[in-house]
Amino acid sequence: MNIKTLFFGITTDLVGASELQIDVTENTSVKDFKLVLKKAYSQLENINSYAIAVNEEYATDNLILKNGDVVAVIPPVSGG
């Protein structure tokens, strides 16, 4: 399956792109997708946590991705 993946903030710098197409197998969960990302882009381990949104809605780890989904990788936000 082909998943359009968008990166924001520091994650853009860590992977070297703001958008990538990532191929995953069918029945891949958000949790599995995070593992795929960390394997392909080990630099992502440099941040403690990040949120995942699928099709513009925050997703839980057990959500199963579908072909053509758009996944956003959103780093923690800080500031004041």
C-alpha atoms as a PDB file:
ATOM      1  CA  MET A   1       0.000   0.000   0.000  1.00  0.00           C
ATOM      2  CA  ASN A   2       1.129   3.511  -0.689  1.00  0.00           C
ATOM      3  CA  ILE A   3       0.844   5.985   2.192  1.00  0.00           C
ATOM      4  CA  LYS A   4       1.410   9.698   1.639  1.00  0.00           C
ATOM      5  CA  THR A   5       3.344  10.866   4.686  1.00  0.00           C
ATOM      6  CA  LEU A   6       3.655  14.504   5.710  1.00  0.00           C
ATOM      7  CA  PHE A   7       6.275  15.703   8.187  1.00  0.00           C
ATOM      8  CA  PHE A   8       6.054  18.856  10.276  1.00  0.00           C
ATOM      9  CA  GLY A   9       8.447  20.849  12.451  1.00  0.00           C
ATOM     10  CA  ILE A  10      11.636  19.093  13.528  1.00  0.00           C
ATOM     11  CA  THR A  11      10.560  15.831  11.874  1.00  0.00           C
ATOM     12  CA  THR A  12      11.006  17.525   8.480  1.00  0.00           C
ATOM     13  CA  ASP A  13      14.653  18.211   9.350  1.00  0.00           C
ATOM     14  CA  LEU A  14      15.199  14.722  10.756  1.00  0.00           C
ATOM     15  CA  VAL A  15      13.993  12.884   7.640  1.00  0.00           C
ATOM     16  CA  GLY A  16      15.141  15.515   5.134  1.00  0.00           C
ATOM     17  CA  ALA A  17      11.741  15.978   3.497  1.00  0.00           C
ATOM     18  CA  SER A  18       8.314  17.434   4.194  1.00  0.00           C
ATOM     19  CA  GLU A  19       6.485  14.747   2.225  1.00  0.00           C
ATOM     20  CA  LEU A  20       7.261  11.132   1.301  1.00  0.00           C
ATOM     21  CA  GLN A  21       5.432   8.164  -0.193  1.00  0.00           C
ATOM     22  CA  ILE A  22       5.940   5.150   2.068  1.00  0.00           C
ATOM     23  CA  ASP A  23       4.986   1.620   1.070  1.00  0.00           C
ATOM     24  CA  VAL A  24       3.597  -0.670   3.760  1.00  0.00           C
ATOM     25  CA  THR A  25       1.847  -4.013   3.773  1.00  0.00           C
ATOM     26  CA  GLU A  26      -1.912  -4.406   4.108  1.00  0.00           C
ATOM     27  CA  ASN A  27      -3.313  -4.359   7.653  1.00  0.00           C
ATOM     28  CA  THR A  28      -0.529  -2.085   8.895  1.00  0.00           C
ATOM     29  CA  SER A  29      -1.551  -0.316  12.089  1.00  0.00           C
ATOM     30  CA  VAL A  30      -0.393   3.135  13.153  1.00  0.00           C
ATOM     31  CA  LYS A  31       1.836   1.406  15.721  1.00  0.00           C
ATOM     32  CA  ASP A  32       3.420  -0.708  12.958  1.00  0.00           C
ATOM     33  CA  PHE A  33       3.789   2.388  10.782  1.00  0.00           C
ATOM     34  CA  LYS A  34       5.752   4.129  13.541  1.00  0.00           C
ATOM     35  CA  LEU A  35       8.131   1.156  13.609  1.00  0.00           C
ATOM     36  CA  VAL A  36       8.546   1.370   9.822  1.00  0.00           C
ATOM     37  CA  LEU A  37       9.357   5.062  10.151  1.00  0.00           C
ATOM     38  CA  LYS A  38      11.911   4.524  12.916  1.00  0.00           C
ATOM     39  CA  LYS A  39      13.568   1.721  10.961  1.00  0.00           C
ATOM     40  CA  ALA A  40      13.825   3.826   7.791  1.00  0.00           C
ATOM     41  CA  TYR A  41      14.625   7.090   9.600  1.00  0.00           C
ATOM     42  CA  SER A  42      16.454   6.264  12.812  1.00  0.00           C
ATOM     43  CA  GLN A  43      16.884   9.991  13.454  1.00  0.00           C
ATOM     44  CA  LEU A  44      13.241  10.073  14.580  1.00  0.00           C
ATOM     45  CA  GLU A  45      14.366   8.372  17.776  1.00  0.00           C
ATOM     46  CA  ASN A  46      15.973  11.718  18.698  1.00  0.00           C
ATOM     47  CA  ILE A  47      12.567  13.078  19.687  1.00  0.00           C
ATOM     48  CA  ASN A  48      10.697  11.639  22.642  1.00  0.00           C
ATOM     49  CA  SER A  49       7.285  11.395  21.061  1.00  0.00           C
ATOM     50  CA  TYR A  50       5.214  12.552  18.162  1.00  0.00           C
ATOM     51  CA  ALA A  51       1.569  12.394  17.248  1.00  0.00           C
ATOM     52  CA  ILE A  52       0.178  10.697  14.170  1.00  0.00           C
ATOM     53  CA  ALA A  53      -2.823  12.016  12.297  1.00  0.00           C
ATOM     54  CA  VAL A  54      -4.515  10.012   9.551  1.00  0.00           C
ATOM     55  CA  ASN A  55      -6.596  11.940   7.050  1.00  0.00           C
ATOM     56  CA  GLU A  56      -6.442  15.040   9.265  1.00  0.00           C
ATOM     57  CA  GLU A  57      -7.625  13.325  12.467  1.00  0.00           C
ATOM     58  CA  TYR A  58      -5.418  12.241  15.348  1.00  0.00           C
ATOM     59  CA  ALA A  59      -5.069   8.461  15.298  1.00  0.00           C
ATOM     60  CA  THR A  60      -4.579   5.795  17.933  1.00  0.00           C
ATOM     61  CA  ASP A  61      -1.941   3.087  17.595  1.00  0.00           C
ATOM     62  CA  ASN A  62      -4.501   0.404  16.737  1.00  0.00           C
ATOM     63  CA  LEU A  63      -5.976   2.199  13.692  1.00  0.00           C
ATOM     64  CA  ILE A  64      -5.421   0.169  10.500  1.00  0.00           C
ATOM     65  CA  LEU A  65      -4.137   2.197   7.557  1.00  0.00           C
ATOM     66  CA  LYS A  66      -5.753   1.978   4.131  1.00  0.00           C
ATOM     67  CA  ASN A  67      -4.214   2.501   0.694  1.00  0.00           C
ATOM     68  CA  GLY A  68      -4.179   6.207  -0.139  1.00  0.00           C
ATOM     69  CA  ASP A  69      -4.360   7.415   3.466  1.00  0.00           C
ATOM     70  CA  VAL A  70      -2.508  10.609   4.290  1.00  0.00           C
ATOM     71  CA  VAL A  71      -0.462  10.316   7.476  1.00  0.00           C
ATOM     72  CA  ALA A  72       0.937  13.365   9.246  1.00  0.00           C
ATOM     73  CA  VAL A  73       3.845  13.091  11.672  1.00  0.00           C
ATOM     74  CA  ILE A  74       3.438  15.881  14.230  1.00  0.00           C
ATOM     75  CA  PRO A  75       6.218  16.591  16.742  1.00  0.00           C
ATOM     76  CA  PRO A  76       5.572  17.897  20.255  1.00  0.00           C
ATOM     77  CA  VAL A  77       4.850  21.617  20.329  1.00  0.00           C
ATOM     78  CA  SER A  78       6.505  23.859  22.867  1.00  0.00           C
ATOM     79  CA  GLY A  79       6.505  27.533  23.498  1.00  0.00           C
ATOM     80  CA  GLY A  80       4.836  30.065  25.614  1.00  0.00           C
END
